[in-house]
């Protein structure tokens, strides 16, 4: 929060009281633009065009009245806030965690308008990205052994590496939800997500969110990933995923580190395999770290919970605009 306040005042001092805009921010160095939005300048325009560009933003309904769904509700919309500004402020809130009030101060508009725009643009991004959900889950055929980086070459028929991540939330008002969302492991109220990455370290799957008390086994079962797996697919998981019964039923091969059990030491073969799995699993950790670079996920307030799944899915799609995590390793190995 302190970082956001410092950035806000830094902008205000730099602008001398003038509102910020896409035109102004796009003139900043590439590194600073990426820090504010999570995207390069080029990819910002790619996303803008992908969601429909000027035509889509012209048609957007920023306030919705369910009794008149086909008629735009009358509202004051300042002409100087361009369509690019609307996407910019949405990305700034996602990436840097700016509050609605901070953005209103920066763009010189009302908090109510910022809130309307943020919810509308997130909804737009979500529904434009949604048709890609199944195609994001990279097929085995698209990841042949010949293109796998060194850390994955030992795992023939590799499909994905999976893990869980969580988003901390405000303590729910409902007493039952307080218990259901509480994670003893995190000592906080959280929403859990199952995440998968492909051989290049890109997000290939992210589940809907589930209450923090859910186990990894149950999360795997209800996440929807089972519907996308094929016989002979190989999944890399951590020790906590005791899901062999579920993967055997799907005829999916599960690769996870060996358990020591009652033994004192691992065998030489187990040590070697554990090392290979650990090296490969670094990339799911980096993938999740990229998601958490979007500071809006630091802690979600209760009023944001209804759109949390949309926000998380949109962020998962946005991080895939980054260069592949494993590209440099792959090129080095060639």
Protein backbone atom coordinates (compact mmCIF):
# COMPACT_ATOMS: atom_id res chain seq x y z
CA UNK A 1 0.00 0.00 0.00
CA UNK A 2 2.84 2.39 0.86
CA UNK A 3 4.42 1.72 -2.55
CA UNK A 4 1.15 2.67 -4.29
CA UNK A 5 0.93 5.90 -2.28
CA UNK A 6 4.52 6.80 -3.19
CA UNK A 7 3.90 6.06 -6.87
CA UNK A 8 0.68 8.11 -6.81
CA UNK A 9 2.38 11.16 -5.33
CA UNK A 10 5.32 10.68 -7.68
CA UNK A 11 2.94 10.88 -10.64
CA UNK A 12 1.19 13.94 -9.23
CA UNK A 13 4.48 15.77 -8.73
CA UNK A 14 5.73 14.79 -12.17
CA UNK A 15 2.54 15.97 -13.86
CA UNK A 16 2.33 19.20 -11.92
CA UNK A 17 -1.34 18.58 -11.18
CA UNK A 18 -2.24 17.55 -14.74
CA UNK A 19 -4.10 14.24 -15.20
CA UNK A 20 -2.18 11.27 -16.53
CA UNK A 21 -3.25 9.63 -19.77
CA UNK A 22 -2.28 6.86 -22.15
CA UNK A 23 -0.70 9.47 -24.42
CA UNK A 24 1.57 10.56 -21.58
CA UNK A 25 2.38 7.09 -20.20
CA UNK A 26 3.12 5.67 -23.67
CA UNK A 27 6.00 8.16 -23.97
CA UNK A 28 7.70 6.77 -20.88
CA UNK A 29 10.57 4.25 -21.21
CA UNK A 30 9.52 0.69 -22.04
CA UNK A 31 10.60 -0.60 -18.63
CA UNK A 32 8.45 1.94 -16.78
CA UNK A 33 5.44 1.30 -19.02
CA UNK A 34 5.75 -2.43 -18.35
CA UNK A 35 6.10 -1.82 -14.61
CA UNK A 36 2.83 0.12 -14.59
CA UNK A 37 0.77 -2.18 -16.81
CA UNK A 38 2.46 -5.58 -16.89
CA UNK A 39 2.64 -5.34 -20.70
CA UNK A 40 5.05 -3.94 -23.24
CA UNK A 41 3.82 -0.97 -25.28
CA UNK A 42 3.38 -3.25 -28.29
CA UNK A 43 1.41 -5.86 -26.35
CA UNK A 44 -0.81 -3.18 -24.83
CA UNK A 45 -1.97 -2.33 -28.36
CA UNK A 46 -2.27 -6.04 -29.22
CA UNK A 47 -4.60 -6.55 -26.24
CA UNK A 48 -6.55 -3.42 -27.15
CA UNK A 49 -7.15 -4.71 -30.68
CA UNK A 50 -7.82 -8.27 -29.48
CA UNK A 51 -10.71 -7.19 -27.26
CA UNK A 52 -12.31 -5.26 -30.12
CA UNK A 53 -10.55 -1.91 -30.20
CA UNK A 54 -12.46 1.34 -30.69
CA UNK A 55 -15.58 -0.42 -31.94
CA UNK A 56 -15.94 -2.55 -28.81
CA UNK A 57 -15.21 0.30 -26.40
CA UNK A 58 -17.78 2.48 -28.21
CA UNK A 59 -20.44 -0.16 -27.52
CA UNK A 60 -19.51 -0.85 -23.90
CA UNK A 61 -22.09 -0.27 -21.19
CA UNK A 62 -20.32 1.10 -18.12
CA UNK A 63 -23.45 1.11 -15.99
CA UNK A 64 -26.04 -1.64 -16.33
CA UNK A 65 -29.72 -1.43 -15.53
CA UNK A 66 -31.28 -4.89 -15.61
CA UNK A 67 -34.73 -3.46 -16.38
CA UNK A 68 -33.45 -1.92 -19.59
CA UNK A 69 -30.71 -4.28 -20.81
CA UNK A 70 -30.75 -2.99 -24.38
CA UNK A 71 -30.54 0.69 -23.56
CA UNK A 72 -27.45 2.47 -22.32
CA UNK A 73 -28.08 4.20 -19.04
CA UNK A 74 -27.53 7.95 -19.27
CA UNK A 75 -24.37 9.03 -17.55
CA UNK A 76 -21.76 11.74 -17.71
CA UNK A 77 -18.65 10.48 -19.48
CA UNK A 78 -15.81 12.97 -19.90
CA UNK A 79 -14.67 13.02 -23.52
CA UNK A 80 -11.02 13.43 -22.59
CA UNK A 81 -10.88 9.93 -21.00
CA UNK A 82 -10.07 7.97 -24.15
CA UNK A 83 -10.65 4.27 -24.77
CA UNK A 84 -6.92 3.68 -24.37
CA UNK A 85 -7.08 5.49 -21.02
CA UNK A 86 -9.78 3.07 -19.88
CA UNK A 87 -7.66 0.02 -20.66
CA UNK A 88 -4.63 1.73 -19.12
CA UNK A 89 -6.29 2.48 -15.78
CA UNK A 90 -7.64 -1.08 -15.61
CA UNK A 91 -4.20 -2.57 -16.16
CA UNK A 92 -2.65 -0.15 -13.67
CA UNK A 93 -5.13 -1.30 -11.02
CA UNK A 94 -4.43 -4.96 -11.79
CA UNK A 95 -0.66 -4.63 -11.97
CA UNK A 96 0.16 -2.05 -9.31
CA UNK A 97 -2.85 -2.50 -7.03
CA UNK A 98 -3.88 1.17 -7.22
CA UNK A 99 -7.07 1.87 -5.31
CA UNK A 100 -10.11 3.31 -7.06
CA UNK A 101 -9.51 6.56 -5.19
CA UNK A 102 -5.85 6.77 -6.27
CA UNK A 103 -6.80 6.28 -9.92
CA UNK A 104 -9.52 8.92 -9.63
CA UNK A 105 -6.87 11.31 -8.31
CA UNK A 106 -4.44 10.45 -11.10
CA UNK A 107 -6.93 10.63 -13.98
CA UNK A 108 -8.92 13.60 -12.56
CA UNK A 109 -12.30 11.84 -12.70
CA UNK A 110 -14.71 10.60 -10.05
CA UNK A 111 -14.16 7.41 -8.08
CA UNK A 112 -17.57 6.20 -9.25
CA UNK A 113 -16.52 6.46 -12.89
CA UNK A 114 -13.21 4.69 -12.25
CA UNK A 115 -15.10 1.86 -10.52
CA UNK A 116 -17.58 1.54 -13.40
CA UNK A 117 -14.78 1.47 -15.98
CA UNK A 118 -12.67 -1.05 -14.06
CA UNK A 119 -15.50 -3.55 -13.63
CA UNK A 120 -16.63 -3.15 -17.24
CA UNK A 121 -13.15 -3.53 -18.77
CA UNK A 122 -12.25 -6.54 -16.62
CA UNK A 123 -15.52 -8.12 -17.70
CA UNK A 124 -14.69 -7.35 -21.34
CA UNK A 125 -11.18 -8.82 -21.07
CA UNK A 126 -12.54 -11.92 -19.36
CA UNK A 127 -15.17 -12.67 -21.99
CA UNK A 128 -12.78 -12.01 -24.87
CA UNK A 129 -10.11 -14.28 -23.37
CA UNK A 130 -12.57 -16.99 -22.24
CA UNK A 131 -12.86 -18.81 -25.62
CA UNK A 132 -9.10 -19.47 -25.36
CA UNK A 133 -9.41 -21.41 -22.07
CA UNK A 134 -9.34 -24.91 -23.52
CA UNK A 135 -6.83 -24.06 -26.25
CA UNK A 136 -4.48 -22.64 -23.61
CA UNK A 137 -4.02 -26.16 -22.23
CA UNK A 138 -1.19 -27.07 -24.59
CA UNK A 139 -1.56 -30.52 -26.13
CA UNK A 140 1.05 -33.23 -25.86
CA UNK A 141 1.50 -33.14 -29.64
CA UNK A 142 2.49 -29.47 -29.44
CA UNK A 143 5.20 -30.34 -26.89
CA UNK A 144 7.17 -33.18 -28.53
CA UNK A 145 10.39 -34.33 -26.91
CA UNK A 146 12.36 -32.55 -29.63
CA UNK A 147 11.25 -29.11 -28.37
CA UNK A 148 11.36 -29.82 -24.64
CA UNK A 149 14.03 -27.96 -22.66
CA UNK A 150 16.70 -30.06 -20.98
CA UNK A 151 14.92 -30.06 -17.61
CA UNK A 152 11.91 -31.85 -19.18
CA UNK A 153 13.53 -34.17 -21.70
CA UNK A 154 13.38 -37.06 -19.22
CA UNK A 155 9.58 -36.90 -19.17
CA UNK A 156 8.25 -38.36 -22.41
CA UNK A 157 4.61 -37.41 -23.17
CA UNK A 158 4.88 -34.38 -20.87
CA UNK A 159 1.61 -32.40 -20.75
CA UNK A 160 1.86 -29.99 -17.83
CA UNK A 161 3.31 -29.17 -14.43
CA UNK A 162 0.66 -28.36 -11.84
CA UNK A 163 0.60 -26.66 -8.45
CA UNK A 164 -1.72 -24.56 -6.33
CA UNK A 165 -1.67 -20.88 -5.48
CA UNK A 166 -3.82 -18.79 -3.21
CA UNK A 167 -5.21 -15.27 -3.01
CA UNK A 168 -5.60 -13.75 0.44
CA UNK A 169 -9.02 -12.25 1.05
CA UNK A 170 -10.61 -10.05 3.66
CA UNK A 171 -12.27 -12.00 6.46
CA UNK A 172 -15.78 -12.76 5.13
CA UNK A 173 -18.78 -11.31 6.95
CA UNK A 174 -20.50 -14.70 6.93
CA UNK A 175 -19.37 -16.84 9.86
CA UNK A 176 -19.53 -20.12 7.91
CA UNK A 177 -17.48 -18.65 5.07
CA UNK A 178 -14.89 -17.50 7.59
CA UNK A 179 -14.24 -21.14 8.50
CA UNK A 180 -14.48 -22.48 4.96
CA UNK A 181 -11.98 -19.98 3.53
CA UNK A 182 -9.49 -20.24 6.39
CA UNK A 183 -6.24 -22.00 5.52
CA UNK A 184 -4.27 -23.38 8.46
CA UNK A 185 -1.21 -23.58 6.21
CA UNK A 186 -1.38 -19.86 5.37
CA UNK A 187 -2.99 -18.75 8.66
CA UNK A 188 -5.31 -16.55 6.63
CA UNK A 189 -8.58 -16.55 4.72
CA UNK A 190 -7.76 -17.48 1.14
CA UNK A 191 -9.19 -18.63 -2.17
CA UNK A 192 -7.24 -21.49 -3.79
CA UNK A 193 -6.51 -22.01 -7.49
CA UNK A 194 -5.00 -24.91 -9.42
CA UNK A 195 -2.41 -23.69 -11.94
CA UNK A 196 -0.72 -25.59 -14.77
CA UNK A 197 2.14 -24.51 -17.00
CA UNK A 198 3.41 -25.95 -20.27
CA UNK A 199 6.98 -26.78 -21.27
CA UNK A 200 7.72 -23.10 -21.99
CA UNK A 201 6.58 -21.96 -18.55
CA UNK A 202 3.40 -20.26 -19.78
CA UNK A 203 0.11 -20.60 -17.90
CA UNK A 204 -1.82 -23.35 -19.67
CA UNK A 205 -4.63 -23.82 -17.14
CA UNK A 206 -6.08 -22.02 -14.16
CA UNK A 207 -9.09 -23.29 -12.27
CA UNK A 208 -11.98 -21.39 -10.74
CA UNK A 209 -11.30 -20.40 -7.13
CA UNK A 210 -12.24 -22.63 -4.20
CA UNK A 211 -12.43 -22.02 -0.47
CA UNK A 212 -9.12 -22.12 1.38
CA UNK A 213 -9.94 -25.22 3.42
CA UNK A 214 -10.05 -27.43 0.30
CA UNK A 215 -7.34 -30.09 -0.03
CA UNK A 216 -5.03 -30.34 -3.03
CA UNK A 217 -6.61 -33.69 -3.91
CA UNK A 218 -10.14 -32.29 -3.90
CA UNK A 219 -9.03 -29.17 -5.76
CA UNK A 220 -7.56 -31.34 -8.53
CA UNK A 221 -10.79 -33.34 -8.73
CA UNK A 222 -13.16 -30.37 -9.02
CA UNK A 223 -10.90 -27.96 -10.93
CA UNK A 224 -11.96 -29.11 -14.40
CA UNK A 225 -8.47 -30.14 -15.49
CA UNK A 226 -9.46 -33.81 -15.54
CA UNK A 227 -11.81 -33.10 -18.46
CA UNK A 228 -8.85 -31.83 -20.52
CA UNK A 229 -6.39 -34.66 -19.86
CA UNK A 230 -5.85 -37.56 -22.26
CA UNK A 231 -4.59 -41.12 -21.68
CA UNK A 232 -0.77 -41.34 -21.46
CA UNK A 233 -0.39 -37.64 -20.61
CA UNK A 234 2.37 -36.99 -18.07
CA UNK A 235 1.77 -34.59 -15.17
CA UNK A 236 4.51 -33.27 -12.90
CA UNK A 237 3.33 -32.52 -9.36
CA UNK A 238 4.65 -31.89 -5.87
CA UNK A 239 4.52 -34.44 -3.04
CA UNK A 240 1.31 -32.96 -1.67
CA UNK A 241 -0.68 -34.10 -4.68
CA UNK A 242 -1.67 -37.62 -3.60
CA UNK A 243 -3.87 -37.99 -6.67
CA UNK A 244 -2.63 -41.29 -8.10
CA UNK A 245 -6.07 -42.85 -7.77
CA UNK A 246 -7.61 -40.06 -9.87
CA UNK A 247 -4.85 -40.05 -12.50
CA UNK A 248 -4.86 -43.85 -12.78
CA UNK A 249 -8.57 -43.71 -13.54
CA UNK A 250 -7.77 -41.28 -16.36
CA UNK A 251 -4.78 -43.38 -17.50
CA UNK A 252 -2.59 -40.34 -16.90
CA UNK A 253 0.97 -40.84 -15.64
CA UNK A 254 1.77 -38.97 -12.45
CA UNK A 255 5.39 -37.93 -11.82
CA UNK A 256 6.17 -36.66 -8.33
CA UNK A 257 9.11 -36.82 -5.90
CA UNK A 258 9.55 -40.07 -4.01
CA UNK A 259 8.46 -40.36 -0.37
CA UNK A 260 11.06 -41.35 2.20
CA UNK A 261 8.54 -43.20 4.36
CA UNK A 262 10.20 -45.34 7.04
CA UNK A 263 13.54 -45.37 5.26
CA UNK A 264 16.58 -43.36 6.28
CA UNK A 265 17.73 -42.44 2.77
CA UNK A 266 16.50 -42.43 -0.82
CA UNK A 267 17.94 -44.83 -3.36
CA UNK A 268 20.37 -43.46 -5.95
CA UNK A 269 17.67 -43.68 -8.64
CA UNK A 270 15.16 -41.85 -6.44
CA UNK A 271 17.65 -39.09 -5.67
CA UNK A 272 18.32 -38.63 -9.37
CA UNK A 273 14.61 -38.52 -10.24
CA UNK A 274 13.84 -36.16 -7.37
CA UNK A 275 16.52 -33.79 -8.67
CA UNK A 276 15.08 -33.90 -12.18
CA UNK A 277 11.56 -33.22 -10.92
CA UNK A 278 12.75 -30.32 -8.75
CA UNK A 279 14.60 -28.76 -11.68
CA UNK A 280 11.51 -29.04 -13.88
CA UNK A 281 9.14 -27.72 -11.22
CA UNK A 282 11.08 -24.46 -10.83
CA UNK A 283 9.14 -23.18 -13.81
CA UNK A 284 5.67 -23.60 -12.27
CA UNK A 285 6.99 -21.62 -9.30
CA UNK A 286 8.19 -18.86 -11.64
CA UNK A 287 4.85 -18.97 -13.42
CA UNK A 288 2.95 -18.47 -10.16
CA UNK A 289 5.38 -15.70 -9.17
CA UNK A 290 4.44 -13.86 -12.37
CA UNK A 291 0.77 -14.04 -11.40
CA UNK A 292 1.55 -12.58 -8.00
CA UNK A 293 3.40 -9.65 -9.58
CA UNK A 294 -0.10 -8.28 -10.20
CA UNK A 295 -0.48 -6.50 -6.89
CA UNK A 296 -4.27 -6.47 -6.88
CA UNK A 297 -3.97 -10.10 -5.73
CA UNK A 298 -2.10 -9.12 -2.55
CA UNK A 299 -5.39 -9.01 -0.67
CA UNK A 300 -8.93 -8.92 -1.99
CA UNK A 301 -11.66 -7.01 -0.19
CA UNK A 302 -15.10 -8.55 0.23
CA UNK A 303 -16.69 -6.35 -2.43
CA UNK A 304 -14.18 -7.70 -4.99
CA UNK A 305 -14.79 -11.40 -4.30
CA UNK A 306 -17.64 -11.79 -6.86
CA UNK A 307 -15.24 -10.89 -9.68
CA UNK A 308 -12.11 -12.57 -8.28
CA UNK A 309 -12.23 -15.52 -10.71
CA UNK A 310 -12.52 -13.12 -13.64
CA UNK A 311 -9.57 -11.08 -12.39
CA UNK A 312 -7.36 -14.15 -11.85
CA UNK A 313 -8.16 -15.59 -15.29
CA UNK A 314 -7.49 -12.25 -17.00
CA UNK A 315 -4.15 -11.95 -15.19
CA UNK A 316 -3.25 -15.52 -16.23
CA UNK A 317 -3.85 -14.54 -19.85
CA UNK A 318 -1.91 -11.29 -19.52
CA UNK A 319 1.22 -12.97 -18.12
CA UNK A 320 1.32 -15.16 -21.23
CA UNK A 321 2.19 -12.07 -23.25
CA UNK A 322 5.62 -12.20 -21.59
CA UNK A 323 8.44 -14.04 -23.40
CA UNK A 324 8.56 -17.77 -22.52
CA UNK A 325 10.19 -18.54 -19.18
CA UNK A 326 12.32 -21.32 -20.65
CA UNK A 327 13.20 -19.78 -24.00
CA UNK A 328 16.72 -18.77 -22.96
CA UNK A 329 17.44 -22.22 -21.55
CA UNK A 330 16.19 -23.89 -24.69
CA UNK A 331 18.31 -21.69 -26.96
CA UNK A 332 21.36 -22.33 -24.78
CA UNK A 333 20.85 -26.08 -25.10
CA UNK A 334 20.67 -26.04 -28.90
